[in-house]
Amino acid sequence: MGYNLAGLSREERDAIEGEKAAALERYRLRKALEARIEGEAIRIVDARATMGNGWRRWAQGQVAEIDQAEVRDGVRARINALGSLGGSA
């Protein structure tokens, strides 16, 4: 379905453009959040090779220290999806 914006008033066009800009900003914020979650999870999982037996406790501590709940939960889920953390952190 297409829209011809030329037939709309200036106010209607501006409102549509404002909605598009807000949607783009929400998309960018979501992508930045996903990138942060993935980066943290990779950092923690990559340390496993050098941490040895103490890795699990260290990893749980690293996850617990993440201040933003959405990021913390996302990192925990990503690590668990990789089968690396297990248990509750």
PDB file of N, CA and C in Angstrom:
ATOM      1  N   MET A   1       0.843  -1.163   0.000  1.00  0.00           N
ATOM      2  CA  MET A   1       0.000   0.000   0.000  1.00  0.00           C
ATOM      3  C   MET A   1       0.891   1.228   0.000  1.00  0.00           C
ATOM      4  N   GLY A   2       0.659   2.111  -0.915  1.00  0.00           N
ATOM      5  CA  GLY A   2       1.469   3.313  -1.013  1.00  0.00           C
ATOM      6  C   GLY A   2       0.678   4.538  -0.612  1.00  0.00           C
ATOM      7  N   TYR A   3       1.369   5.548  -0.197  1.00  0.00           N
ATOM      8  CA  TYR A   3       0.738   6.791   0.190  1.00  0.00           C
ATOM      9  C   TYR A   3       1.361   7.912  -0.609  1.00  0.00           C
ATOM     10  N   ASN A   4       0.504   8.814  -1.066  1.00  0.00           N
ATOM     11  CA  ASN A   4       0.992  10.005  -1.731  1.00  0.00           C
ATOM     12  C   ASN A   4       0.968  11.119  -0.695  1.00  0.00           C
ATOM     13  N   LEU A   5       2.127  11.428  -0.167  1.00  0.00           N
ATOM     14  CA  LEU A   5       2.220  12.434   0.889  1.00  0.00           C
ATOM     15  C   LEU A   5       1.932  13.839   0.384  1.00  0.00           C
ATOM     16  N   ALA A   6       2.015  14.029  -0.938  1.00  0.00           N
ATOM     17  CA  ALA A   6       1.796  15.362  -1.493  1.00  0.00           C
ATOM     18  C   ALA A   6       0.375  15.858  -1.236  1.00  0.00           C
ATOM     19  N   GLY A   7      -0.570  14.932  -1.107  1.00  0.00           N
ATOM     20  CA  GLY A   7      -1.956  15.326  -0.877  1.00  0.00           C
ATOM     21  C   GLY A   7      -2.268  15.644   0.571  1.00  0.00           C
ATOM     22  N   LEU A   8      -1.310  15.452   1.455  1.00  0.00           N
ATOM     23  CA  LEU A   8      -1.531  15.713   2.880  1.00  0.00           C
ATOM     24  C   LEU A   8      -1.116  17.128   3.237  1.00  0.00           C
ATOM     25  N   SER A   9      -1.656  17.596   4.351  1.00  0.00           N
ATOM     26  CA  SER A   9      -1.263  18.920   4.829  1.00  0.00           C
ATOM     27  C   SER A   9       0.171  18.864   5.361  1.00  0.00           C
ATOM     28  N   ARG A  10       0.762  20.008   5.511  1.00  0.00           N
ATOM     29  CA  ARG A  10       2.135  20.110   6.046  1.00  0.00           C
ATOM     30  C   ARG A  10       2.210  19.480   7.434  1.00  0.00           C
ATOM     31  N   GLU A  11       1.199  19.705   8.256  1.00  0.00           N
ATOM     32  CA  GLU A  11       1.175  19.156   9.604  1.00  0.00           C
ATOM     33  C   GLU A  11       1.118  17.621   9.569  1.00  0.00           C
ATOM     34  N   GLU A  12       0.305  17.076   8.668  1.00  0.00           N
ATOM     35  CA  GLU A  12       0.196  15.614   8.556  1.00  0.00           C
ATOM     36  C   GLU A  12       1.506  15.001   8.070  1.00  0.00           C
ATOM     37  N   ARG A  13       2.131  15.650   7.102  1.00  0.00           N
ATOM     38  CA  ARG A  13       3.429  15.158   6.607  1.00  0.00           C
ATOM     39  C   ARG A  13       4.482  15.210   7.713  1.00  0.00           C
ATOM     40  N   ASP A  14       4.488  16.304   8.457  1.00  0.00           N
ATOM     41  CA  ASP A  14       5.446  16.440   9.561  1.00  0.00           C
ATOM     42  C   ASP A  14       5.211  15.378  10.633  1.00  0.00           C
ATOM     43  N   ALA A  15       3.947  15.075  10.916  1.00  0.00           N
ATOM     44  CA  ALA A  15       3.629  14.044  11.907  1.00  0.00           C
ATOM     45  C   ALA A  15       4.115  12.680  11.441  1.00  0.00           C
ATOM     46  N   ILE A  16       3.916  12.381  10.171  1.00  0.00           N
ATOM     47  CA  ILE A  16       4.379  11.103   9.616  1.00  0.00           C
ATOM     48  C   ILE A  16       5.897  11.026   9.676  1.00  0.00           C
ATOM     49  N   GLU A  17       6.565  12.098   9.295  1.00  0.00           N
ATOM     50  CA  GLU A  17       8.035  12.119   9.350  1.00  0.00           C
ATOM     51  C   GLU A  17       8.531  11.979  10.785  1.00  0.00           C
ATOM     52  N   GLY A  18       7.831  12.576  11.734  1.00  0.00           N
ATOM     53  CA  GLY A  18       8.188  12.447  13.152  1.00  0.00           C
ATOM     54  C   GLY A  18       8.047  11.008  13.624  1.00  0.00           C
ATOM     55  N   GLU A  19       6.973  10.344  13.206  1.00  0.00           N
ATOM     56  CA  GLU A  19       6.777   8.938  13.561  1.00  0.00           C
ATOM     57  C   GLU A  19       7.869   8.061  12.957  1.00  0.00           C
ATOM     58  N   LYS A  20       8.240   8.346  11.719  1.00  0.00           N
ATOM     59  CA  LYS A  20       9.311   7.577  11.077  1.00  0.00           C
ATOM     60  C   LYS A  20      10.638   7.780  11.796  1.00  0.00           C
ATOM     61  N   ALA A  21      10.920   9.013  12.178  1.00  0.00           N
ATOM     62  CA  ALA A  21      12.171   9.297  12.895  1.00  0.00           C
ATOM     63  C   ALA A  21      12.195   8.598  14.246  1.00  0.00           C
ATOM     64  N   ALA A  22      11.059   8.584  14.944  1.00  0.00           N
ATOM     65  CA  ALA A  22      10.992   7.913  16.247  1.00  0.00           C
ATOM     66  C   ALA A  22      11.175   6.408  16.085  1.00  0.00           C
ATOM     67  N   ALA A  23      10.579   5.829  15.051  1.00  0.00           N
ATOM     68  CA  ALA A  23      10.727   4.393  14.798  1.00  0.00           C
ATOM     69  C   ALA A  23      12.180   4.053  14.488  1.00  0.00           C
ATOM     70  N   LEU A  24      12.840   4.888  13.708  1.00  0.00           N
ATOM     71  CA  LEU A  24      14.245   4.662  13.386  1.00  0.00           C
ATOM     72  C   LEU A  24      15.109   4.737  14.642  1.00  0.00           C
ATOM     73  N   GLU A  25      14.831   5.682  15.519  1.00  0.00           N
ATOM     74  CA  GLU A  25      15.594   5.813  16.762  1.00  0.00           C
ATOM     75  C   GLU A  25      15.393   4.590  17.664  1.00  0.00           C
ATOM     76  N   ARG A  26      14.148   4.101  17.767  1.00  0.00           N
ATOM     77  CA  ARG A  26      13.894   2.888  18.549  1.00  0.00           C
ATOM     78  C   ARG A  26      14.661   1.702  17.974  1.00  0.00           C
ATOM     79  N   TYR A  27      14.704   1.584  16.652  1.00  0.00           N
ATOM     80  CA  TYR A  27      15.446   0.509  15.994  1.00  0.00           C
ATOM     81  C   TYR A  27      16.934   0.618  16.319  1.00  0.00           C
ATOM     82  N   ARG A  28      17.485   1.807  16.216  1.00  0.00           N
ATOM     83  CA  ARG A  28      18.912   2.003  16.512  1.00  0.00           C
ATOM     84  C   ARG A  28      19.239   1.671  17.963  1.00  0.00           C
ATOM     85  N   LEU A  29      18.373   2.082  18.885  1.00  0.00           N
ATOM     86  CA  LEU A  29      18.596   1.774  20.296  1.00  0.00           C
ATOM     87  C   LEU A  29      18.534   0.273  20.556  1.00  0.00           C
ATOM     88  N   ARG A  30      17.586  -0.410  19.908  1.00  0.00           N
ATOM     89  CA  ARG A  30      17.472  -1.855  20.082  1.00  0.00           C
ATOM     90  C   ARG A  30      18.712  -2.560  19.534  1.00  0.00           C
ATOM     91  N   LYS A  31      19.196  -2.114  18.383  1.00  0.00           N
ATOM     92  CA  LYS A  31      20.397  -2.725  17.804  1.00  0.00           C
ATOM     93  C   LYS A  31      21.620  -2.471  18.688  1.00  0.00           C
ATOM     94  N   ALA A  32      21.725  -1.297  19.261  1.00  0.00           N
ATOM     95  CA  ALA A  32      22.842  -0.991  20.156  1.00  0.00           C
ATOM     96  C   ALA A  32      22.768  -1.866  21.404  1.00  0.00           C
ATOM     97  N   LEU A  33      21.569  -2.073  21.928  1.00  0.00           N
ATOM     98  CA  LEU A  33      21.394  -2.941  23.090  1.00  0.00           C
ATOM     99  C   LEU A  33      21.786  -4.378  22.749  1.00  0.00           C
ATOM    100  N   GLU A  34      21.343  -4.864  21.599  1.00  0.00           N
ATOM    101  CA  GLU A  34      21.703  -6.219  21.171  1.00  0.00           C
ATOM    102  C   GLU A  34      23.207  -6.368  21.005  1.00  0.00           C
ATOM    103  N   ALA A  35      23.854  -5.340  20.458  1.00  0.00           N
ATOM    104  CA  ALA A  35      25.306  -5.382  20.280  1.00  0.00           C
ATOM    105  C   ALA A  35      26.022  -5.404  21.629  1.00  0.00           C
ATOM    106  N   ARG A  36      25.527  -4.634  22.591  1.00  0.00           N
ATOM    107  CA  ARG A  36      26.139  -4.626  23.924  1.00  0.00           C
ATOM    108  C   ARG A  36      25.996  -5.999  24.585  1.00  0.00           C
ATOM    109  N   ILE A  37      24.803  -6.586  24.486  1.00  0.00           N
ATOM    110  CA  ILE A  37      24.567  -7.906  25.063  1.00  0.00           C
ATOM    111  C   ILE A  37      25.497  -8.928  24.436  1.00  0.00           C
ATOM    112  N   GLU A  38      25.575  -8.929  23.127  1.00  0.00           N
ATOM    113  CA  GLU A  38      26.432  -9.897  22.439  1.00  0.00           C
ATOM    114  C   GLU A  38      27.902  -9.691  22.804  1.00  0.00           C
ATOM    115  N   GLY A  39      28.339  -8.432  22.871  1.00  0.00           N
ATOM    116  CA  GLY A  39      29.723  -8.141  23.222  1.00  0.00           C
ATOM    117  C   GLY A  39      30.086  -8.611  24.621  1.00  0.00           C
ATOM    118  N   GLU A  40      29.205  -8.342  25.577  1.00  0.00           N
ATOM    119  CA  GLU A  40      29.451  -8.783  26.957  1.00  0.00           C
ATOM    120  C   GLU A  40      29.492 -10.309  27.035  1.00  0.00           C
ATOM    121  N   ALA A  41      28.541 -10.963  26.374  1.00  0.00           N
ATOM    122  CA  ALA A  41      28.498 -12.425  26.412  1.00  0.00           C
ATOM    123  C   ALA A  41      29.758 -13.023  25.798  1.00  0.00           C
ATOM    124  N   ILE A  42      30.195 -12.496  24.688  1.00  0.00           N
ATOM    125  CA  ILE A  42      31.414 -12.997  24.034  1.00  0.00           C
ATOM    126  C   ILE A  42      32.626 -12.772  24.928  1.00  0.00           C
ATOM    127  N   ARG A  43      32.709 -11.588  25.546  1.00  0.00           N
ATOM    128  CA  ARG A  43      33.834 -11.294  26.440  1.00  0.00           C
ATOM    129  C   ARG A  43      33.906 -12.321  27.567  1.00  0.00           C
ATOM    130  N   ILE A  44      32.758 -12.619  28.147  1.00  0.00           N
ATOM    131  CA  ILE A  44      32.725 -13.556  29.275  1.00  0.00           C
ATOM    132  C   ILE A  44      33.033 -14.977  28.817  1.00  0.00           C
ATOM    133  N   VAL A  45      32.426 -15.405  27.732  1.00  0.00           N
ATOM    134  CA  VAL A  45      32.653 -16.773  27.242  1.00  0.00           C
ATOM    135  C   VAL A  45      34.100 -16.951  26.775  1.00  0.00           C
ATOM    136  N   ASP A  46      34.656 -15.943  26.132  1.00  0.00           N
ATOM    137  CA  ASP A  46      36.039 -16.044  25.649  1.00  0.00           C
ATOM    138  C   ASP A  46      37.039 -16.188  26.794  1.00  0.00           C
ATOM    139  N   ALA A  47      36.695 -15.682  27.968  1.00  0.00           N
ATOM    140  CA  ALA A  47      37.604 -15.783  29.113  1.00  0.00           C
ATOM    141  C   ALA A  47      37.663 -17.195  29.679  1.00  0.00           C
ATOM    142  N   ARG A  48      36.761 -18.045  29.258  1.00  0.00           N
ATOM    143  CA  ARG A  48      36.692 -19.401  29.810  1.00  0.00           C
ATOM    144  C   ARG A  48      37.998 -20.172  29.604  1.00  0.00           C
ATOM    145  N   ALA A  49      38.611 -20.000  28.461  1.00  0.00           N
ATOM    146  CA  ALA A  49      39.837 -20.738  28.152  1.00  0.00           C
ATOM    147  C   ALA A  49      40.979 -20.389  29.105  1.00  0.00           C
ATOM    148  N   THR A  50      41.018 -19.152  29.560  1.00  0.00           N
ATOM    149  CA  THR A  50      42.119 -18.735  30.428  1.00  0.00           C
ATOM    150  C   THR A  50      41.787 -18.832  31.914  1.00  0.00           C
ATOM    151  N   MET A  51      40.500 -18.892  32.255  1.00  0.00           N
ATOM    152  CA  MET A  51      40.103 -18.887  33.660  1.00  0.00           C
ATOM    153  C   MET A  51      40.146 -20.275  34.305  1.00  0.00           C
ATOM    154  N   GLY A  52      39.991 -21.303  33.517  1.00  0.00           N
ATOM    155  CA  GLY A  52      40.024 -22.648  34.085  1.00  0.00           C
ATOM    156  C   GLY A  52      38.819 -22.941  34.965  1.00  0.00           C
ATOM    157  N   ASN A  53      39.063 -23.648  36.063  1.00  0.00           N
ATOM    158  CA  ASN A  53      37.980 -24.101  36.929  1.00  0.00           C
ATOM    159  C   ASN A  53      37.216 -22.967  37.603  1.00  0.00           C
ATOM    160  N   GLY A  54      37.812 -21.832  37.766  1.00  0.00           N
ATOM    161  CA  GLY A  54      37.141 -20.714  38.430  1.00  0.00           C
ATOM    162  C   GLY A  54      36.273 -19.887  37.509  1.00  0.00           C
ATOM    163  N   TRP A  55      36.180 -20.273  36.259  1.00  0.00           N
ATOM    164  CA  TRP A  55      35.456 -19.462  35.285  1.00  0.00           C
ATOM    165  C   TRP A  55      33.981 -19.300  35.628  1.00  0.00           C
ATOM    166  N   ARG A  56      33.300 -20.369  35.977  1.00  0.00           N
ATOM    167  CA  ARG A  56      31.849 -20.294  36.203  1.00  0.00           C
ATOM    168  C   ARG A  56      31.515 -19.262  37.275  1.00  0.00           C
ATOM    169  N   ARG A  57      32.202 -19.321  38.408  1.00  0.00           N
ATOM    170  CA  ARG A  57      31.947 -18.360  39.487  1.00  0.00           C
ATOM    171  C   ARG A  57      32.290 -16.940  39.025  1.00  0.00           C
ATOM    172  N   TRP A  58      33.414 -16.793  38.333  1.00  0.00           N
ATOM    173  CA  TRP A  58      33.805 -15.484  37.814  1.00  0.00           C
ATOM    174  C   TRP A  58      32.752 -14.957  36.843  1.00  0.00           C
ATOM    175  N   ALA A  59      32.289 -15.828  35.932  1.00  0.00           N
ATOM    176  CA  ALA A  59      31.298 -15.426  34.930  1.00  0.00           C
ATOM    177  C   ALA A  59      29.996 -15.002  35.606  1.00  0.00           C
ATOM    178  N   GLN A  60      29.554 -15.741  36.599  1.00  0.00           N
ATOM    179  CA  GLN A  60      28.338 -15.372  37.323  1.00  0.00           C
ATOM    180  C   GLN A  60      28.499 -14.017  37.992  1.00  0.00           C
ATOM    181  N   GLY A  61      29.678 -13.760  38.536  1.00  0.00           N
ATOM    182  CA  GLY A  61      29.952 -12.458  39.135  1.00  0.00           C
ATOM    183  C   GLY A  61      29.944 -11.345  38.108  1.00  0.00           C
ATOM    184  N   GLN A  62      30.515 -11.599  36.939  1.00  0.00           N
ATOM    185  CA  GLN A  62      30.531 -10.599  35.874  1.00  0.00           C
ATOM    186  C   GLN A  62      29.110 -10.253  35.434  1.00  0.00           C
ATOM    187  N   VAL A  63      28.277 -11.268  35.286  1.00  0.00           N
ATOM    188  CA  VAL A  63      26.888 -11.038  34.883  1.00  0.00           C
ATOM    189  C   VAL A  63      26.154 -10.262  35.969  1.00  0.00           C
ATOM    190  N   ALA A  64      26.346 -10.638  37.208  1.00  0.00           N
ATOM    191  CA  ALA A  64      25.659  -9.980  38.326  1.00  0.00           C
ATOM    192  C   ALA A  64      26.045  -8.506  38.441  1.00  0.00           C
ATOM    193  N   GLU A  65      27.238  -8.138  38.009  1.00  0.00           N
ATOM    194  CA  GLU A  65      27.700  -6.752  38.119  1.00  0.00           C
ATOM    195  C   GLU A  65      27.146  -5.836  37.034  1.00  0.00           C
ATOM    196  N   ILE A  66      26.494  -6.378  36.024  1.00  0.00           N
ATOM    197  CA  ILE A  66      25.919  -5.544  34.962  1.00  0.00           C
ATOM    198  C   ILE A  66      24.741  -4.785  35.551  1.00  0.00           C
ATOM    199  N   ASP A  67      24.800  -3.460  35.481  1.00  0.00           N
ATOM    200  CA  ASP A  67      23.817  -2.630  36.180  1.00  0.00           C
ATOM    201  C   ASP A  67      22.449  -2.578  35.504  1.00  0.00           C
ATOM    202  N   GLN A  68      22.391  -2.683  34.221  1.00  0.00           N
ATOM    203  CA  GLN A  68      21.119  -2.581  33.504  1.00  0.00           C
ATOM    204  C   GLN A  68      20.477  -3.963  33.422  1.00  0.00           C
ATOM    205  N   ALA A  69      19.292  -4.118  34.023  1.00  0.00           N
ATOM    206  CA  ALA A  69      18.628  -5.421  34.128  1.00  0.00           C
ATOM    207  C   ALA A  69      18.400  -6.072  32.763  1.00  0.00           C
ATOM    208  N   GLU A  70      18.000  -5.283  31.787  1.00  0.00           N
ATOM    209  CA  GLU A  70      17.739  -5.841  30.454  1.00  0.00           C
ATOM    210  C   GLU A  70      19.011  -6.407  29.829  1.00  0.00           C
ATOM    211  N   VAL A  71      20.122  -5.718  30.024  1.00  0.00           N
ATOM    212  CA  VAL A  71      21.403  -6.205  29.512  1.00  0.00           C
ATOM    213  C   VAL A  71      21.832  -7.439  30.300  1.00  0.00           C
ATOM    214  N   ARG A  72      21.731  -7.377  31.615  1.00  0.00           N
ATOM    215  CA  ARG A  72      22.122  -8.503  32.462  1.00  0.00           C
ATOM    216  C   ARG A  72      21.341  -9.771  32.083  1.00  0.00           C
ATOM    217  N   ASP A  73      20.030  -9.637  31.930  1.00  0.00           N
ATOM    218  CA  ASP A  73      19.213 -10.791  31.563  1.00  0.00           C
ATOM    219  C   ASP A  73      19.547 -11.296  30.169  1.00  0.00           C
ATOM    220  N   GLY A  74      19.813 -10.371  29.258  1.00  0.00           N
ATOM    221  CA  GLY A  74      20.180 -10.762  27.897  1.00  0.00           C
ATOM    222  C   GLY A  74      21.515 -11.485  27.849  1.00  0.00           C
ATOM    223  N   VAL A  75      22.489 -10.989  28.600  1.00  0.00           N
ATOM    224  CA  VAL A  75      23.806 -11.636  28.646  1.00  0.00           C
ATOM    225  C   VAL A  75      23.683 -13.031  29.253  1.00  0.00           C
ATOM    226  N   ARG A  76      22.939 -13.135  30.340  1.00  0.00           N
ATOM    227  CA  ARG A  76      22.744 -14.435  30.982  1.00  0.00           C
ATOM    228  C   ARG A  76      22.087 -15.417  29.998  1.00  0.00           C
ATOM    229  N   ALA A  77      21.063 -14.954  29.300  1.00  0.00           N
ATOM    230  CA  ALA A  77      20.371 -15.820  28.337  1.00  0.00           C
ATOM    231  C   ALA A  77      21.304 -16.231  27.196  1.00  0.00           C
ATOM    232  N   ARG A  78      22.114 -15.285  26.726  1.00  0.00           N
ATOM    233  CA  ARG A  78      23.028 -15.590  25.610  1.00  0.00           C
ATOM    234  C   ARG A  78      24.087 -16.603  26.046  1.00  0.00           C
ATOM    235  N   ILE A  79      24.639 -16.427  27.225  1.00  0.00           N
ATOM    236  CA  ILE A  79      25.641 -17.378  27.726  1.00  0.00           C
ATOM    237  C   ILE A  79      25.003 -18.748  27.943  1.00  0.00           C
ATOM    238  N   ASN A  80      23.805 -18.760  28.524  1.00  0.00           N
ATOM    239  CA  ASN A  80      23.110 -20.042  28.732  1.00  0.00           C
ATOM    240  C   ASN A  80      22.790 -20.720  27.403  1.00  0.00           C
ATOM    241  N   ALA A  81      22.441 -19.930  26.399  1.00  0.00           N
ATOM    242  CA  ALA A  81      22.153 -20.497  25.081  1.00  0.00           C
ATOM    243  C   ALA A  81      23.390 -21.181  24.497  1.00  0.00           C
ATOM    244  N   LEU A  82      24.540 -20.656  24.849  1.00  0.00           N
ATOM    245  CA  LEU A  82      25.799 -21.264  24.392  1.00  0.00           C
ATOM    246  C   LEU A  82      26.165 -22.488  25.253  1.00  0.00           C
ATOM    247  N   GLY A  83      25.375 -22.724  26.306  1.00  0.00           N
ATOM    248  CA  GLY A  83      25.615 -23.872  27.178  1.00  0.00           C
ATOM    249  C   GLY A  83      26.804 -23.713  28.072  1.00  0.00           C
ATOM    250  N   SER A  84      27.130 -22.483  28.431  1.00  0.00           N
ATOM    251  CA  SER A  84      28.359 -22.241  29.164  1.00  0.00           C
ATOM    252  C   SER A  84      28.188 -21.924  30.638  1.00  0.00           C
ATOM    253  N   LEU A  85      27.104 -21.280  31.023  1.00  0.00           N
ATOM    254  CA  LEU A  85      27.012 -20.776  32.396  1.00  0.00           C
ATOM    255  C   LEU A  85      26.232 -21.718  33.296  1.00  0.00           C
ATOM    256  N   GLY A  86      25.037 -22.053  32.915  1.00  0.00           N
ATOM    257  CA  GLY A  86      24.220 -22.952  33.722  1.00  0.00           C
ATOM    258  C   GLY A  86      23.921 -22.368  35.080  1.00  0.00           C
ATOM    259  N   GLY A  87      23.082 -23.031  35.827  1.00  0.00           N
ATOM    260  CA  GLY A  87      22.765 -22.580  37.178  1.00  0.00           C
ATOM    261  C   GLY A  87      22.139 -21.214  37.181  1.00  0.00           C
ATOM    262  N   SER A  88      21.995 -20.651  38.350  1.00  0.00           N
ATOM    263  CA  SER A  88      21.445 -19.296  38.441  1.00  0.00           C
ATOM    264  C   SER A  88      22.573 -18.358  38.830  1.00  0.00           C
ATOM    265  N   ALA A  89      22.558 -17.214  38.183  1.00  0.00           N
ATOM    266  CA  ALA A  89      23.607 -16.226  38.467  1.00  0.00           C
ATOM    267  C   ALA A  89      23.083 -15.101  39.301  1.00  0.00           C
TER     268      ALA A  89
END
